[in-house]
Amino acid sequence: MMNPSTETNEREAPGAQVCERCGATFRCGALAGDASCWCASLPALPLDRLRPGIRCLCPACLTTEAGRGTTSS
């Protein structure tokens, strides 16, 4: 079980975000003031897969979403 004070600190850290899909806390480099964010290394999602009003996804969920539909059957 996570210590509540540790979880609070992670959510208050510069660039802290909560994944819209799974609720995991992760760091957004763009919001933290880094030169780039980890997500810049992933392929951009097609416009038809972007959802208005949805914020960032964590590395695991964005990697999964970026991999969806890239293989043909």
PDB file of N, CA and C in Angstrom:
ATOM      1  N   MET A   1       0.844  -1.184   0.000  1.00  0.00           N
ATOM      2  CA  MET A   1       0.000   0.000   0.000  1.00  0.00           C
ATOM      3  C   MET A   1       0.884   1.240   0.000  1.00  0.00           C
ATOM      4  N   MET A   2       0.508   2.234  -0.788  1.00  0.00           N
ATOM      5  CA  MET A   2       1.297   3.457  -0.896  1.00  0.00           C
ATOM      6  C   MET A   2       1.020   4.375   0.283  1.00  0.00           C
ATOM      7  N   ASN A   3       2.051   4.989   0.793  1.00  0.00           N
ATOM      8  CA  ASN A   3       1.935   5.954   1.864  1.00  0.00           C
ATOM      9  C   ASN A   3       1.187   7.180   1.334  1.00  0.00           C
ATOM     10  N   PRO A   4       0.096   7.630   1.985  1.00  0.00           N
ATOM     11  CA  PRO A   4      -0.663   8.781   1.483  1.00  0.00           C
ATOM     12  C   PRO A   4       0.185  10.030   1.301  1.00  0.00           C
ATOM     13  N   SER A   5       1.155  10.274   2.164  1.00  0.00           N
ATOM     14  CA  SER A   5       1.981  11.472   2.006  1.00  0.00           C
ATOM     15  C   SER A   5       2.882  11.342   0.788  1.00  0.00           C
ATOM     16  N   THR A   6       3.327  10.130   0.450  1.00  0.00           N
ATOM     17  CA  THR A   6       4.131   9.919  -0.740  1.00  0.00           C
ATOM     18  C   THR A   6       3.292  10.173  -1.986  1.00  0.00           C
ATOM     19  N   GLU A   7       2.052   9.669  -1.991  1.00  0.00           N
ATOM     20  CA  GLU A   7       1.178   9.881  -3.132  1.00  0.00           C
ATOM     21  C   GLU A   7       0.891  11.364  -3.311  1.00  0.00           C
ATOM     22  N   THR A   8       0.636  12.093  -2.232  1.00  0.00           N
ATOM     23  CA  THR A   8       0.390  13.523  -2.302  1.00  0.00           C
ATOM     24  C   THR A   8       1.597  14.237  -2.876  1.00  0.00           C
ATOM     25  N   ASN A   9       2.810  13.892  -2.418  1.00  0.00           N
ATOM     26  CA  ASN A   9       4.023  14.528  -2.926  1.00  0.00           C
ATOM     27  C   ASN A   9       4.195  14.281  -4.415  1.00  0.00           C
ATOM     28  N   GLU A  10       3.917  13.065  -4.889  1.00  0.00           N
ATOM     29  CA  GLU A  10       4.045  12.754  -6.310  1.00  0.00           C
ATOM     30  C   GLU A  10       3.065  13.582  -7.125  1.00  0.00           C
ATOM     31  N   ARG A  11       1.863  13.766  -6.631  1.00  0.00           N
ATOM     32  CA  ARG A  11       0.854  14.521  -7.369  1.00  0.00           C
ATOM     33  C   ARG A  11       1.122  16.018  -7.342  1.00  0.00           C
ATOM     34  N   GLU A  12       1.914  16.489  -6.391  1.00  0.00           N
ATOM     35  CA  GLU A  12       2.228  17.912  -6.295  1.00  0.00           C
ATOM     36  C   GLU A  12       3.564  18.258  -6.934  1.00  0.00           C
ATOM     37  N   ALA A  13       4.333  17.279  -7.383  1.00  0.00           N
ATOM     38  CA  ALA A  13       5.636  17.521  -7.992  1.00  0.00           C
ATOM     39  C   ALA A  13       5.462  18.281  -9.305  1.00  0.00           C
ATOM     40  N   PRO A  14       6.476  19.073  -9.705  1.00  0.00           N
ATOM     41  CA  PRO A  14       6.374  19.795 -10.975  1.00  0.00           C
ATOM     42  C   PRO A  14       6.092  18.836 -12.134  1.00  0.00           C
ATOM     43  N   GLY A  15       5.076  19.145 -12.916  1.00  0.00           N
ATOM     44  CA  GLY A  15       4.728  18.329 -14.057  1.00  0.00           C
ATOM     45  C   GLY A  15       3.904  17.104 -13.723  1.00  0.00           C
ATOM     46  N   ALA A  16       3.481  16.962 -12.474  1.00  0.00           N
ATOM     47  CA  ALA A  16       2.707  15.774 -12.087  1.00  0.00           C
ATOM     48  C   ALA A  16       1.358  15.768 -12.794  1.00  0.00           C
ATOM     49  N   GLN A  17       1.010  14.622 -13.351  1.00  0.00           N
ATOM     50  CA  GLN A  17      -0.250  14.430 -14.045  1.00  0.00           C
ATOM     51  C   GLN A  17      -0.871  13.120 -13.581  1.00  0.00           C
ATOM     52  N   VAL A  18      -2.161  12.987 -13.762  1.00  0.00           N
ATOM     53  CA  VAL A  18      -2.863  11.746 -13.468  1.00  0.00           C
ATOM     54  C   VAL A  18      -3.409  11.243 -14.792  1.00  0.00           C
ATOM     55  N   CYS A  19      -3.109  10.008 -15.115  1.00  0.00           N
ATOM     56  CA  CYS A  19      -3.535   9.406 -16.376  1.00  0.00           C
ATOM     57  C   CYS A  19      -5.052   9.371 -16.466  1.00  0.00           C
ATOM     58  N   GLU A  20      -5.583   9.853 -17.590  1.00  0.00           N
ATOM     59  CA  GLU A  20      -7.022   9.852 -17.824  1.00  0.00           C
ATOM     60  C   GLU A  20      -7.588   8.436 -17.919  1.00  0.00           C
ATOM     61  N   ARG A  21      -6.752   7.479 -18.328  1.00  0.00           N
ATOM     62  CA  ARG A  21      -7.246   6.116 -18.534  1.00  0.00           C
ATOM     63  C   ARG A  21      -7.154   5.273 -17.272  1.00  0.00           C
ATOM     64  N   CYS A  22      -5.969   5.206 -16.638  1.00  0.00           N
ATOM     65  CA  CYS A  22      -5.790   4.263 -15.525  1.00  0.00           C
ATOM     66  C   CYS A  22      -5.635   4.924 -14.158  1.00  0.00           C
ATOM     67  N   GLY A  23      -5.455   6.239 -14.113  1.00  0.00           N
ATOM     68  CA  GLY A  23      -5.327   6.945 -12.845  1.00  0.00           C
ATOM     69  C   GLY A  23      -3.923   6.980 -12.262  1.00  0.00           C
ATOM     70  N   ALA A  24      -2.944   6.437 -12.990  1.00  0.00           N
ATOM     71  CA  ALA A  24      -1.561   6.445 -12.507  1.00  0.00           C
ATOM     72  C   ALA A  24      -1.008   7.869 -12.512  1.00  0.00           C
ATOM     73  N   THR A  25      -0.164   8.169 -11.546  1.00  0.00           N
ATOM     74  CA  THR A  25       0.514   9.453 -11.502  1.00  0.00           C
ATOM     75  C   THR A  25       1.813   9.328 -12.287  1.00  0.00           C
ATOM     76  N   PHE A  26       2.094  10.315 -13.135  1.00  0.00           N
ATOM     77  CA  PHE A  26       3.316  10.319 -13.924  1.00  0.00           C
ATOM     78  C   PHE A  26       3.778  11.757 -14.108  1.00  0.00           C
ATOM     79  N   ARG A  27       4.974  11.933 -14.649  1.00  0.00           N
ATOM     80  CA  ARG A  27       5.576  13.249 -14.811  1.00  0.00           C
ATOM     81  C   ARG A  27       5.506  13.694 -16.265  1.00  0.00           C
ATOM     82  N   CYS A  28       4.984  14.885 -16.496  1.00  0.00           N
ATOM     83  CA  CYS A  28       4.939  15.487 -17.820  1.00  0.00           C
ATOM     84  C   CYS A  28       6.104  16.468 -17.917  1.00  0.00           C
ATOM     85  N   GLY A  29       7.052  16.153 -18.769  1.00  0.00           N
ATOM     86  CA  GLY A  29       8.229  17.006 -18.933  1.00  0.00           C
ATOM     87  C   GLY A  29       7.886  18.388 -19.458  1.00  0.00           C
ATOM     88  N   ALA A  30       6.881  18.477 -20.340  1.00  0.00           N
ATOM     89  CA  ALA A  30       6.483  19.771 -20.889  1.00  0.00           C
ATOM     90  C   ALA A  30       5.961  20.689 -19.788  1.00  0.00           C
ATOM     91  N   LEU A  31       5.120  20.164 -18.900  1.00  0.00           N
ATOM     92  CA  LEU A  31       4.591  20.969 -17.801  1.00  0.00           C
ATOM     93  C   LEU A  31       5.642  21.267 -16.742  1.00  0.00           C
ATOM     94  N   ALA A  32       6.626  20.374 -16.618  1.00  0.00           N
ATOM     95  CA  ALA A  32       7.681  20.561 -15.622  1.00  0.00           C
ATOM     96  C   ALA A  32       8.738  21.558 -16.102  1.00  0.00           C
ATOM     97  N   GLY A  33       8.681  21.940 -17.381  1.00  0.00           N
ATOM     98  CA  GLY A  33       9.635  22.907 -17.916  1.00  0.00           C
ATOM     99  C   GLY A  33      10.848  22.274 -18.571  1.00  0.00           C
ATOM    100  N   ASP A  34      10.810  20.953 -18.807  1.00  0.00           N
ATOM    101  CA  ASP A  34      11.914  20.288 -19.499  1.00  0.00           C
ATOM    102  C   ASP A  34      11.932  20.720 -20.964  1.00  0.00           C
ATOM    103  N   ALA A  35      13.045  20.462 -21.638  1.00  0.00           N
ATOM    104  CA  ALA A  35      13.151  20.780 -23.062  1.00  0.00           C
ATOM    105  C   ALA A  35      12.150  19.971 -23.877  1.00  0.00           C
ATOM    106  N   SER A  36      11.882  18.741 -23.453  1.00  0.00           N
ATOM    107  CA  SER A  36      10.876  17.912 -24.109  1.00  0.00           C
ATOM    108  C   SER A  36      10.329  16.917 -23.099  1.00  0.00           C
ATOM    109  N   CYS A  37       9.273  16.249 -23.491  1.00  0.00           N
ATOM    110  CA  CYS A  37       8.646  15.263 -22.622  1.00  0.00           C
ATOM    111  C   CYS A  37       8.903  13.869 -23.175  1.00  0.00           C
ATOM    112  N   TRP A  38       8.787  12.860 -22.345  1.00  0.00           N
ATOM    113  CA  TRP A  38       8.969  11.474 -22.758  1.00  0.00           C
ATOM    114  C   TRP A  38       8.034  11.122 -23.906  1.00  0.00           C
ATOM    115  N   CYS A  39       6.860  11.738 -23.960  1.00  0.00           N
ATOM    116  CA  CYS A  39       5.887  11.385 -24.991  1.00  0.00           C
ATOM    117  C   CYS A  39       6.324  11.808 -26.389  1.00  0.00           C
ATOM    118  N   ALA A  40       7.255  12.758 -26.469  1.00  0.00           N
ATOM    119  CA  ALA A  40       7.741  13.210 -27.776  1.00  0.00           C
ATOM    120  C   ALA A  40       8.499  12.117 -28.512  1.00  0.00           C
ATOM    121  N   SER A  41       8.946  11.084 -27.796  1.00  0.00           N
ATOM    122  CA  SER A  41       9.677   9.991 -28.430  1.00  0.00           C
ATOM    123  C   SER A  41       8.744   8.943 -29.036  1.00  0.00           C
ATOM    124  N   LEU A  42       7.438   9.066 -28.784  1.00  0.00           N
ATOM    125  CA  LEU A  42       6.459   8.128 -29.339  1.00  0.00           C
ATOM    126  C   LEU A  42       5.872   8.698 -30.621  1.00  0.00           C
ATOM    127  N   PRO A  43       5.386   7.829 -31.510  1.00  0.00           N
ATOM    128  CA  PRO A  43       4.720   8.342 -32.711  1.00  0.00           C
ATOM    129  C   PRO A  43       3.473   9.135 -32.321  1.00  0.00           C
ATOM    130  N   ALA A  44       3.179  10.164 -33.085  1.00  0.00           N
ATOM    131  CA  ALA A  44       1.972  10.955 -32.826  1.00  0.00           C
ATOM    132  C   ALA A  44       0.741  10.111 -33.109  1.00  0.00           C
ATOM    133  N   LEU A  45      -0.291  10.290 -32.303  1.00  0.00           N
ATOM    134  CA  LEU A  45      -1.548   9.579 -32.549  1.00  0.00           C
ATOM    135  C   LEU A  45      -2.267  10.227 -33.729  1.00  0.00           C
ATOM    136  N   PRO A  46      -2.932   9.434 -34.554  1.00  0.00           N
ATOM    137  CA  PRO A  46      -3.726  10.007 -35.641  1.00  0.00           C
ATOM    138  C   PRO A  46      -4.830  10.901 -35.068  1.00  0.00           C
ATOM    139  N   LEU A  47      -5.193  11.938 -35.809  1.00  0.00           N
ATOM    140  CA  LEU A  47      -6.211  12.875 -35.337  1.00  0.00           C
ATOM    141  C   LEU A  47      -7.522  12.193 -34.977  1.00  0.00           C
ATOM    142  N   ASP A  48      -7.878  11.142 -35.704  1.00  0.00           N
ATOM    143  CA  ASP A  48      -9.148  10.470 -35.417  1.00  0.00           C
ATOM    144  C   ASP A  48      -9.123   9.694 -34.102  1.00  0.00           C
ATOM    145  N   ARG A  49      -7.947   9.535 -33.492  1.00  0.00           N
ATOM    146  CA  ARG A  49      -7.845   8.828 -32.208  1.00  0.00           C
ATOM    147  C   ARG A  49      -7.728   9.791 -31.034  1.00  0.00           C
ATOM    148  N   LEU A  50      -7.606  11.090 -31.301  1.00  0.00           N
ATOM    149  CA  LEU A  50      -7.557  12.077 -30.225  1.00  0.00           C
ATOM    150  C   LEU A  50      -8.978  12.386 -29.787  1.00  0.00           C
ATOM    151  N   ARG A  51      -9.165  12.543 -28.500  1.00  0.00           N
ATOM    152  CA  ARG A  51     -10.494  12.803 -27.951  1.00  0.00           C
ATOM    153  C   ARG A  51     -10.513  14.190 -27.304  1.00  0.00           C
ATOM    154  N   PRO A  52     -11.433  15.068 -27.710  1.00  0.00           N
ATOM    155  CA  PRO A  52     -11.531  16.386 -27.083  1.00  0.00           C
ATOM    156  C   PRO A  52     -11.742  16.261 -25.582  1.00  0.00           C
ATOM    157  N   GLY A  53     -11.051  17.077 -24.831  1.00  0.00           N
ATOM    158  CA  GLY A  53     -11.214  17.102 -23.381  1.00  0.00           C
ATOM    159  C   GLY A  53     -10.395  16.072 -22.627  1.00  0.00           C
ATOM    160  N   ILE A  54      -9.764  15.135 -23.322  1.00  0.00           N
ATOM    161  CA  ILE A  54      -8.944  14.123 -22.657  1.00  0.00           C
ATOM    162  C   ILE A  54      -7.538  14.669 -22.510  1.00  0.00           C
ATOM    163  N   ARG A  55      -7.028  14.592 -21.308  1.00  0.00           N
ATOM    164  CA  ARG A  55      -5.675  15.072 -21.052  1.00  0.00           C
ATOM    165  C   ARG A  55      -4.680  13.953 -21.287  1.00  0.00           C
ATOM    166  N   CYS A  56      -3.490  14.111 -20.758  1.00  0.00           N
ATOM    167  CA  CYS A  56      -2.386  13.174 -20.993  1.00  0.00           C
ATOM    168  C   CYS A  56      -2.667  11.764 -20.477  1.00  0.00           C
ATOM    169  N   LEU A  57      -2.016  10.810 -21.133  1.00  0.00           N
ATOM    170  CA  LEU A  57      -2.015   9.427 -20.683  1.00  0.00           C
ATOM    171  C   LEU A  57      -0.631   9.116 -20.130  1.00  0.00           C
ATOM    172  N   CYS A  58      -0.556   8.156 -19.210  1.00  0.00           N
ATOM    173  CA  CYS A  58       0.729   7.739 -18.645  1.00  0.00           C
ATOM    174  C   CYS A  58       1.542   7.007 -19.720  1.00  0.00           C
ATOM    175  N   PRO A  59       2.835   6.787 -19.489  1.00  0.00           N
ATOM    176  CA  PRO A  59       3.655   6.097 -20.480  1.00  0.00           C
ATOM    177  C   PRO A  59       3.078   4.747 -20.922  1.00  0.00           C
ATOM    178  N   ALA A  60       2.586   3.952 -19.987  1.00  0.00           N
ATOM    179  CA  ALA A  60       2.056   2.633 -20.349  1.00  0.00           C
ATOM    180  C   ALA A  60       0.814   2.757 -21.223  1.00  0.00           C
ATOM    181  N   CYS A  61      -0.123   3.604 -20.850  1.00  0.00           N
ATOM    182  CA  CYS A  61      -1.360   3.744 -21.618  1.00  0.00           C
ATOM    183  C   CYS A  61      -1.117   4.400 -22.970  1.00  0.00           C
ATOM    184  N   LEU A  62      -0.248   5.405 -23.038  1.00  0.00           N
ATOM    185  CA  LEU A  62       0.027   6.054 -24.318  1.00  0.00           C
ATOM    186  C   LEU A  62       0.768   5.106 -25.252  1.00  0.00           C
ATOM    187  N   THR A  63       1.683   4.311 -24.719  1.00  0.00           N
ATOM    188  CA  THR A  63       2.390   3.317 -25.540  1.00  0.00           C
ATOM    189  C   THR A  63       1.398   2.310 -26.109  1.00  0.00           C
ATOM    190  N   THR A  64       0.461   1.859 -25.279  1.00  0.00           N
ATOM    191  CA  THR A  64      -0.573   0.933 -25.739  1.00  0.00           C
ATOM    192  C   THR A  64      -1.423   1.586 -26.818  1.00  0.00           C
ATOM    193  N   GLU A  65      -1.861   2.814 -26.590  1.00  0.00           N
ATOM    194  CA  GLU A  65      -2.705   3.515 -27.553  1.00  0.00           C
ATOM    195  C   GLU A  65      -1.953   3.769 -28.859  1.00  0.00           C
ATOM    196  N   ALA A  66      -0.686   4.111 -28.780  1.00  0.00           N
ATOM    197  CA  ALA A  66       0.109   4.361 -29.987  1.00  0.00           C
ATOM    198  C   ALA A  66       0.288   3.085 -30.795  1.00  0.00           C
ATOM    199  N   GLY A  67       0.304   1.930 -30.129  1.00  0.00           N
ATOM    200  CA  GLY A  67       0.470   0.653 -30.810  1.00  0.00           C
ATOM    201  C   GLY A  67      -0.802   0.097 -31.402  1.00  0.00           C
ATOM    202  N   ARG A  68      -1.948   0.620 -30.976  1.00  0.00           N
ATOM    203  CA  ARG A  68      -3.229   0.124 -31.491  1.00  0.00           C
ATOM    204  C   ARG A  68      -3.415   0.511 -32.947  1.00  0.00           C
ATOM    205  N   GLY A  69      -3.834  -0.433 -33.743  1.00  0.00           N
ATOM    206  CA  GLY A  69      -4.171  -0.150 -35.129  1.00  0.00           C
ATOM    207  C   GLY A  69      -2.986   0.050 -36.053  1.00  0.00           C
ATOM    208  N   THR A  70      -1.767  -0.228 -35.568  1.00  0.00           N
ATOM    209  CA  THR A  70      -0.600  -0.037 -36.429  1.00  0.00           C
ATOM    210  C   THR A  70      -0.259  -1.279 -37.218  1.00  0.00           C
ATOM    211  N   THR A  71      -0.899  -2.396 -36.884  1.00  0.00           N
ATOM    212  CA  THR A  71      -0.623  -3.628 -37.630  1.00  0.00           C
ATOM    213  C   THR A  71      -1.819  -3.935 -38.508  1.00  0.00           C
ATOM    214  N   SER A  72      -1.570  -4.424 -39.683  1.00  0.00           N
ATOM    215  CA  SER A  72      -2.693  -4.778 -40.569  1.00  0.00           C
ATOM    216  C   SER A  72      -2.945  -6.265 -40.471  1.00  0.00           C
ATOM    217  N   SER A  73      -4.231  -6.650 -40.633  1.00  0.00           N
ATOM    218  CA  SER A  73      -4.555  -8.068 -40.556  1.00  0.00           C
ATOM    219  C   SER A  73      -5.058  -8.588 -41.869  1.00  0.00           C
TER     220      SER A  73
END
